[in-house]
Amino acid sequence: MLQSSRCCSWKSQNGFPAAVFRFSVPALFLLVWASCWPTVASSQALAQSAMVRLELIMGPGFEPADAHQWLRVLGKSKADDIKIRRVNATDRVEIKNRGTESRPVYVVYGELLGTQTLRVPGSTFRMTQMEGLASWVKELRENGIEGVLEEKLAFGLTSRELLGLHEDLSTRVEDSTQGQETALVVKKLTELISTPVNFSSAAKRAFSKQNRVSEEYQDVSVGTSLAAILRPLGLVAEISKSSDGKTVMQIVGSQDADEFWPIGWPVENNPDQVAPELSERIKVEINDFTLKPTLDAIESKLGLRFFYDQNTLAGLGIDLTAVKVSYEHESAPYRNILRRVLSQSRPGMTYEVRMDENDVPFLWITSRARR
């Protein structure tokens, strides 16, 4: 008994891929060959990397007539072989290594859904998202099955990539920063890390204004220092992946980034456990004293670094050298003293306990009314 079968493939032959579409029904076979462009990767490069083959089944809603169009766009995926076939009872979306550990041949079993959607292990792509599929194939080729199935965390990085970036940005700032030209300080900081750093036109314009760093970040991690130094300029450090799959940092305007490296990290546990100094009690006699020197004195006593959210404070018109504060108590913990004096600005201020990339705590002074 004749059974119908459908099979489409995109294979490389003598350096040139050829699209093959075979559609068979009882007593009828049709074979179509279409010549295409040369492969992008050289044979030498392919020999040094894993092979990736896409074997895609026709899932619910998929029309066999759409196979030609899918084969055409799937050529952009840079896979070594692409096949579209009918579904079997044992099919599942998965990745198998049909080669060896040293010379892997990854076969991706995916599913075409409807007319526009491709589902592969861990990801889904529309027909218009072939650049994303090409990146996925590249990740599989270079980092194996774990590379594409590992959960993506912040910035679209895997846990391994994020930990590597965090470790790189934990490098301590070697030189004094306070009063130094911002552009020079940023240049020195980026030279301390191995992560490539690029600067947008907005960043270059901001650095050309010869601003100076107002706070001291010596011995603080590069990640926290860099993020804090960029903020008053309206800039942030955006993290992304380059075309070759490497993690890179882009210094861009804050309005141009959806996700960027933070100024320190929030404390997961009780802040007093991270900074027990805040629980220490002292006698307090502050009578109509200026806020900034008051905070400087508390910072000196605590031994914790204070960093200021200059953007927010300036935007709300809060001048720490103009605010007068008062507070008296026979025995108050530092946390209460800080809250009382910071609340006396208009609008009121507060602090957050954060940690740099080396888990060193510091206080982030900001306003209760975030802008």
Protein backbone atom coordinates (compact mmCIF):
# COMPACT_ATOMS: atom_id res chain seq x y z
CA MET A 1 0.00 0.00 0.00
CA LEU A 2 1.42 3.33 -0.99
CA GLN A 3 1.70 5.93 1.76
CA SER A 4 2.02 9.65 1.23
CA SER A 5 5.19 11.32 2.42
CA ARG A 6 6.48 14.84 2.39
CA CYS A 7 10.11 15.86 2.69
CA CYS A 8 11.93 19.13 2.15
CA SER A 9 15.63 19.81 2.69
CA TRP A 10 18.38 22.37 2.23
CA LYS A 11 21.78 20.75 1.79
CA SER A 12 25.26 21.88 0.86
CA GLN A 13 26.69 20.22 -2.24
CA ASN A 14 30.19 21.05 -3.54
CA GLY A 15 30.16 24.32 -1.63
CA PHE A 16 26.73 25.33 -2.93
CA PRO A 17 23.47 24.64 -1.10
CA ALA A 18 20.60 23.27 -3.12
CA ALA A 19 16.99 23.45 -2.02
CA VAL A 20 15.21 20.17 -2.36
CA PHE A 21 11.47 19.84 -2.03
CA ARG A 22 9.91 16.45 -2.53
CA PHE A 23 6.16 16.06 -2.21
CA SER A 24 4.78 12.59 -2.87
CA VAL A 25 1.24 11.24 -2.92
CA PRO A 26 0.13 7.83 -4.21
CA ALA A 27 1.43 7.32 -7.79
CA LEU A 28 2.76 10.89 -7.90
CA PHE A 29 6.27 12.24 -7.15
CA LEU A 30 7.51 15.73 -7.65
CA LEU A 31 11.11 16.82 -7.31
CA VAL A 32 12.17 20.43 -7.46
CA TRP A 33 15.77 21.65 -7.29
CA ALA A 34 16.69 25.27 -6.92
CA SER A 35 20.25 26.54 -7.09
CA CYS A 36 21.22 29.09 -4.46
CA TRP A 37 24.05 31.32 -3.29
CA PRO A 38 27.43 30.06 -1.96
CA THR A 39 27.70 29.18 1.69
CA VAL A 40 28.75 32.06 3.91
CA ALA A 41 31.12 30.07 6.09
CA SER A 42 34.29 28.76 4.54
CA SER A 43 34.97 25.02 4.50
CA GLN A 44 37.89 25.62 6.83
CA ALA A 45 35.68 27.39 9.38
CA LEU A 46 33.04 24.64 9.17
CA ALA A 47 35.68 21.98 9.70
CA GLN A 48 36.65 23.63 12.96
CA SER A 49 33.12 23.83 14.35
CA ALA A 50 30.17 21.60 15.01
CA MET A 51 27.58 20.87 12.35
CA VAL A 52 23.96 21.87 12.89
CA ARG A 53 21.08 20.23 11.04
CA LEU A 54 17.46 21.31 11.29
CA GLU A 55 14.86 18.57 10.93
CA LEU A 56 11.47 20.25 11.13
CA ILE A 57 8.13 18.51 11.33
CA MET A 58 4.88 19.86 9.94
CA GLY A 59 2.92 20.70 13.06
CA PRO A 60 -0.69 21.79 13.56
CA GLY A 61 -1.87 24.36 11.03
CA PHE A 62 1.14 23.98 8.75
CA GLU A 63 0.36 23.79 5.04
CA PRO A 64 2.75 21.74 2.85
CA ALA A 65 2.50 24.45 0.21
CA ASP A 66 4.33 26.80 2.62
CA ALA A 67 7.41 24.56 2.68
CA HIS A 68 9.10 26.34 -0.26
CA GLN A 69 8.80 29.72 1.46
CA TRP A 70 10.13 28.32 4.73
CA LEU A 71 13.10 26.72 2.98
CA ARG A 72 13.92 30.04 1.38
CA VAL A 73 13.95 32.01 4.65
CA LEU A 74 15.54 29.19 6.67
CA GLY A 75 18.60 29.51 4.46
CA LYS A 76 19.43 32.58 6.55
CA SER A 77 19.79 30.41 9.64
CA LYS A 78 23.27 29.26 8.50
CA ALA A 79 22.39 25.67 9.40
CA ASP A 80 24.32 23.03 7.46
CA ASP A 81 21.23 21.05 6.52
CA ILE A 82 17.51 21.83 6.66
CA LYS A 83 14.76 19.27 6.21
CA ILE A 84 10.99 19.63 6.48
CA ARG A 85 8.94 16.44 6.80
CA ARG A 86 5.62 15.07 7.98
CA VAL A 87 5.15 14.24 11.65
CA ASN A 88 5.78 10.78 13.12
CA ALA A 89 4.21 9.39 16.26
CA THR A 90 7.56 9.38 18.11
CA ASP A 91 8.58 12.93 17.19
CA ARG A 92 9.41 15.43 19.91
CA VAL A 93 11.06 18.84 19.95
CA GLU A 94 14.63 18.15 21.06
CA ILE A 95 18.32 18.27 20.11
CA LYS A 96 20.44 15.18 19.58
CA ASN A 97 24.18 14.92 19.00
CA ARG A 98 24.48 12.42 16.14
CA GLY A 99 28.23 12.91 15.94
CA THR A 100 30.90 12.54 18.59
CA GLU A 101 31.95 14.69 21.51
CA SER A 102 34.97 15.97 19.59
CA ARG A 103 33.11 16.34 16.26
CA PRO A 104 29.48 16.96 17.18
CA VAL A 105 26.65 16.91 14.66
CA TYR A 106 23.67 18.53 16.33
CA VAL A 107 20.31 17.53 14.88
CA VAL A 108 17.59 19.94 15.93
CA TYR A 109 14.11 18.47 15.84
CA GLY A 110 11.76 21.43 15.59
CA GLU A 111 8.12 22.03 14.74
CA LEU A 112 6.51 24.38 12.21
CA LEU A 113 3.22 25.73 13.52
CA GLY A 114 0.71 27.49 11.28
CA THR A 115 2.26 29.60 8.57
CA GLN A 116 4.61 31.83 10.57
CA THR A 117 6.03 30.03 13.61
CA LEU A 118 8.98 27.72 14.20
CA ARG A 119 9.46 26.06 17.59
CA VAL A 120 12.87 24.69 18.56
CA PRO A 121 14.05 23.54 22.00
CA GLY A 122 13.98 26.52 24.35
CA SER A 123 12.95 29.12 21.74
CA THR A 124 10.29 30.12 19.25
CA PHE A 125 10.87 32.15 16.07
CA ARG A 126 8.57 33.84 13.60
CA MET A 127 9.32 33.66 9.89
CA THR A 128 10.52 37.29 10.13
CA GLN A 129 13.02 36.46 12.91
CA MET A 130 15.60 34.47 10.99
CA GLU A 131 18.46 36.63 12.32
CA GLY A 132 17.48 35.45 15.77
CA LEU A 133 17.42 31.85 14.56
CA ALA A 134 20.87 32.34 13.01
CA SER A 135 22.15 33.54 16.40
CA TRP A 136 20.53 30.51 18.05
CA VAL A 137 22.20 28.16 15.54
CA LYS A 138 25.53 29.92 16.11
CA GLU A 139 25.14 29.53 19.88
CA LEU A 140 24.43 25.81 19.45
CA ARG A 141 27.38 25.39 17.09
CA GLU A 142 29.80 27.13 19.46
CA ASN A 143 28.50 26.24 22.93
CA GLY A 144 26.60 23.02 22.41
CA ILE A 145 23.16 21.95 23.61
CA GLU A 146 23.66 23.49 27.02
CA GLY A 147 24.35 26.86 25.39
CA VAL A 148 20.88 27.13 23.84
CA LEU A 149 18.88 25.35 26.54
CA GLU A 150 20.42 27.09 29.54
CA GLU A 151 18.04 29.63 31.01
CA LYS A 152 18.72 33.22 29.98
CA LEU A 153 18.93 35.62 32.89
CA ALA A 154 19.52 39.38 32.96
CA PHE A 155 20.65 40.96 29.67
CA GLY A 156 19.80 37.74 27.84
CA LEU A 157 22.93 36.07 29.27
CA THR A 158 23.21 32.54 30.57
CA SER A 159 24.17 32.04 34.20
CA ARG A 160 27.72 31.22 33.09
CA GLU A 161 27.98 34.39 31.02
CA LEU A 162 26.45 36.56 33.72
CA LEU A 163 28.79 35.20 36.37
CA GLY A 164 31.76 35.83 34.07
CA LEU A 165 30.67 39.43 33.48
CA HIS A 166 30.02 39.95 37.21
CA GLU A 167 33.49 38.65 38.02
CA ASP A 168 35.07 40.93 35.42
CA LEU A 169 33.23 43.98 36.76
CA SER A 170 34.24 43.12 40.33
CA THR A 171 37.74 44.43 39.57
CA ARG A 172 38.54 47.16 42.08
CA VAL A 173 39.15 50.75 41.07
CA GLU A 174 42.85 51.42 41.63
CA ASP A 175 43.16 55.21 41.50
CA SER A 176 41.41 58.13 43.14
CA THR A 177 38.43 59.41 41.15
CA GLN A 178 37.10 62.43 43.02
CA GLY A 179 37.71 65.66 41.14
CA GLN A 180 39.15 63.86 38.13
CA GLU A 181 37.88 64.44 34.58
CA THR A 182 35.03 62.02 33.94
CA ALA A 183 36.14 60.96 30.46
CA LEU A 184 39.61 60.08 31.76
CA VAL A 185 38.23 58.13 34.74
CA VAL A 186 35.83 56.15 32.53
CA LYS A 187 38.67 55.36 30.12
CA LYS A 188 40.79 54.02 32.99
CA LEU A 189 37.92 51.94 34.35
CA THR A 190 37.19 50.32 31.01
CA GLU A 191 40.88 49.46 30.67
CA LEU A 192 40.72 47.50 33.95
CA ILE A 193 38.22 44.98 32.57
CA SER A 194 38.34 42.49 29.71
CA THR A 195 34.74 43.07 28.52
CA PRO A 196 34.80 45.16 25.31
CA VAL A 197 33.25 48.62 25.76
CA ASN A 198 31.76 50.73 22.97
CA PHE A 199 30.58 54.34 23.20
CA SER A 200 27.51 55.74 21.48
CA SER A 201 27.49 59.20 19.93
CA ALA A 202 25.46 60.42 22.93
CA ALA A 203 28.19 59.17 25.27
CA LYS A 204 30.93 60.85 23.27
CA ARG A 205 29.04 64.15 23.37
CA ALA A 206 28.58 63.88 27.13
CA PHE A 207 32.26 63.18 27.73
CA SER A 208 33.31 66.13 25.58
CA LYS A 209 31.86 68.55 28.17
CA GLN A 210 34.79 67.93 30.54
CA ASN A 211 32.71 67.01 33.58
CA ARG A 212 34.44 65.88 36.72
CA VAL A 213 33.67 63.00 39.07
CA SER A 214 32.23 64.36 42.30
CA GLU A 215 32.68 61.26 44.48
CA GLU A 216 35.48 58.92 45.48
CA TYR A 217 35.23 55.39 44.07
CA GLN A 218 38.73 54.14 44.81
CA ASP A 219 38.63 50.48 46.00
CA VAL A 220 35.00 50.12 44.86
CA SER A 221 34.23 47.61 42.09
CA VAL A 222 34.41 48.82 38.49
CA GLY A 223 30.81 47.82 37.74
CA THR A 224 29.26 49.87 40.52
CA SER A 225 31.67 52.78 40.05
CA LEU A 226 31.14 52.98 36.31
CA ALA A 227 27.34 52.87 36.62
CA ALA A 228 27.37 55.60 39.28
CA ILE A 229 29.75 57.85 37.35
CA LEU A 230 27.70 57.56 34.16
CA ARG A 231 24.34 58.35 35.80
CA PRO A 232 24.85 62.14 36.32
CA LEU A 233 25.65 62.39 32.60
CA GLY A 234 22.39 60.70 31.63
CA LEU A 235 24.29 57.62 30.50
CA VAL A 236 24.09 53.92 31.37
CA ALA A 237 26.06 50.76 30.67
CA GLU A 238 23.95 48.52 28.45
CA ILE A 239 24.94 44.85 28.18
CA SER A 240 24.42 42.91 24.96
CA LYS A 241 25.88 40.19 22.74
CA SER A 242 28.00 41.04 19.70
CA SER A 243 27.54 39.41 16.30
CA ASP A 244 30.21 36.87 17.22
CA GLY A 245 28.40 35.94 20.44
CA LYS A 246 30.67 37.79 22.89
CA THR A 247 29.36 39.82 25.80
CA VAL A 248 29.92 43.54 25.23
CA MET A 249 29.13 46.77 27.06
CA GLN A 250 27.63 49.76 25.28
CA ILE A 251 27.71 53.20 26.94
CA VAL A 252 24.48 54.83 25.76
CA GLY A 253 21.94 57.45 26.76
CA SER A 254 19.59 56.22 29.49
CA GLN A 255 16.58 56.77 27.22
CA ASP A 256 18.08 54.36 24.68
CA ALA A 257 18.40 51.36 27.01
CA ASP A 258 15.72 49.11 28.46
CA GLU A 259 18.10 47.18 30.71
CA PHE A 260 21.45 48.32 32.04
CA TRP A 261 24.10 47.53 34.66
CA PRO A 262 22.93 48.74 38.09
CA ILE A 263 24.59 50.95 40.67
CA GLY A 264 25.18 48.15 43.14
CA TRP A 265 22.91 45.25 43.94
CA PRO A 266 19.96 45.06 46.34
CA VAL A 267 20.44 43.24 49.61
CA GLU A 268 18.46 40.01 49.77
CA ASN A 269 18.74 39.53 53.52
CA ASN A 270 18.06 41.89 56.41
CA PRO A 271 20.15 45.03 55.70
CA ASP A 272 21.32 45.02 59.33
CA GLN A 273 22.95 41.63 58.73
CA VAL A 274 24.89 43.00 55.78
CA ALA A 275 25.72 46.31 57.49
CA PRO A 276 25.56 45.63 61.26
CA GLU A 277 27.08 49.04 61.89
CA LEU A 278 23.63 50.54 61.27
CA SER A 279 22.42 48.93 64.52
CA GLU A 280 25.07 50.58 66.69
CA ARG A 281 23.69 53.18 69.07
CA ILE A 282 25.09 56.58 69.96
CA LYS A 283 23.96 59.74 71.71
CA VAL A 284 22.76 62.28 69.14
CA GLU A 285 22.76 66.07 69.41
CA ILE A 286 22.17 67.66 66.04
CA ASN A 287 20.76 71.18 66.23
CA ASP A 288 20.02 73.10 63.03
CA PHE A 289 23.06 71.70 61.25
CA THR A 290 23.64 71.47 57.48
CA LEU A 291 22.73 68.05 56.05
CA LYS A 292 25.82 67.35 53.93
CA PRO A 293 28.41 67.67 56.72
CA THR A 294 26.04 65.74 58.98
CA LEU A 295 26.03 62.86 56.51
CA ASP A 296 29.80 63.11 56.09
CA ALA A 297 30.26 62.76 59.85
CA ILE A 298 27.94 59.73 60.02
CA GLU A 299 29.74 58.15 57.03
CA SER A 300 33.07 58.59 58.78
CA LYS A 301 31.77 57.04 62.01
CA LEU A 302 30.08 54.10 60.28
CA GLY A 303 32.92 53.21 57.96
CA LEU A 304 30.39 52.61 55.14
CA ARG A 305 30.65 54.41 51.82
CA PHE A 306 27.82 56.81 50.95
CA PHE A 307 26.99 57.43 47.27
CA TYR A 308 24.37 59.91 46.12
CA ASP A 309 21.66 59.69 43.47
CA GLN A 310 22.72 63.02 42.02
CA ASN A 311 20.34 62.89 39.06
CA THR A 312 17.24 62.49 41.20
CA LEU A 313 18.33 64.97 43.87
CA ALA A 314 19.18 67.63 41.30
CA GLY A 315 15.95 67.03 39.41
CA LEU A 316 13.94 67.59 42.60
CA GLY A 317 15.93 70.65 43.59
CA ILE A 318 17.44 69.08 46.72
CA ASP A 319 20.65 70.84 47.74
CA LEU A 320 22.38 68.92 50.53
CA THR A 321 24.41 72.00 51.47
CA ALA A 322 21.26 74.09 51.99
CA VAL A 323 19.11 71.69 54.02
CA LYS A 324 19.24 72.19 57.81
CA VAL A 325 18.47 69.25 60.12
CA SER A 326 17.95 68.66 63.83
CA TYR A 327 17.69 65.50 65.91
CA GLU A 328 18.42 64.66 69.54
CA HIS A 329 18.33 61.28 71.26
CA GLU A 330 20.06 59.66 74.21
CA SER A 331 20.72 56.38 72.39
CA ALA A 332 19.68 55.97 68.77
CA PRO A 333 20.87 53.41 66.20
CA TYR A 334 22.52 54.87 63.14
CA ARG A 335 19.70 53.60 60.92
CA ASN A 336 17.22 55.79 62.84
CA ILE A 337 19.53 58.79 62.78
CA LEU A 338 19.90 58.54 59.03
CA ARG A 339 16.18 58.18 58.46
CA ARG A 340 15.38 61.18 60.65
CA VAL A 341 17.89 63.58 59.12
CA LEU A 342 17.21 62.47 55.53
CA SER A 343 13.47 62.89 55.99
CA GLN A 344 13.90 66.58 56.80
CA SER A 345 14.69 67.58 53.21
CA ARG A 346 11.84 68.61 50.93
CA PRO A 347 10.91 66.29 49.35
CA GLY A 348 12.12 63.75 51.87
CA MET A 349 15.10 61.49 51.26
CA THR A 350 15.95 57.94 52.19
CA TYR A 351 18.77 55.42 51.89
CA GLU A 352 19.15 51.89 50.55
CA VAL A 353 21.75 49.33 51.55
CA ARG A 354 23.35 47.97 48.39
CA MET A 355 26.43 45.89 47.64
CA ASP A 356 29.04 46.25 44.94
CA GLU A 357 30.25 43.32 42.84
CA ASN A 358 32.58 42.25 45.67
CA ASP A 359 29.68 42.11 48.16
CA VAL A 360 30.97 45.21 49.93
CA PRO A 361 27.98 47.15 51.32
CA PHE A 362 27.40 50.86 50.75
CA LEU A 363 24.51 53.28 51.22
CA TRP A 364 22.71 54.72 48.21
CA ILE A 365 21.23 58.10 49.17
CA THR A 366 18.21 59.02 47.11
CA SER A 367 14.81 60.68 47.33
CA ARG A 368 11.60 59.05 48.42
CA ALA A 369 9.99 60.67 45.40
CA ARG A 370 11.81 58.90 42.56
CA ARG A 371 11.84 60.68 39.21
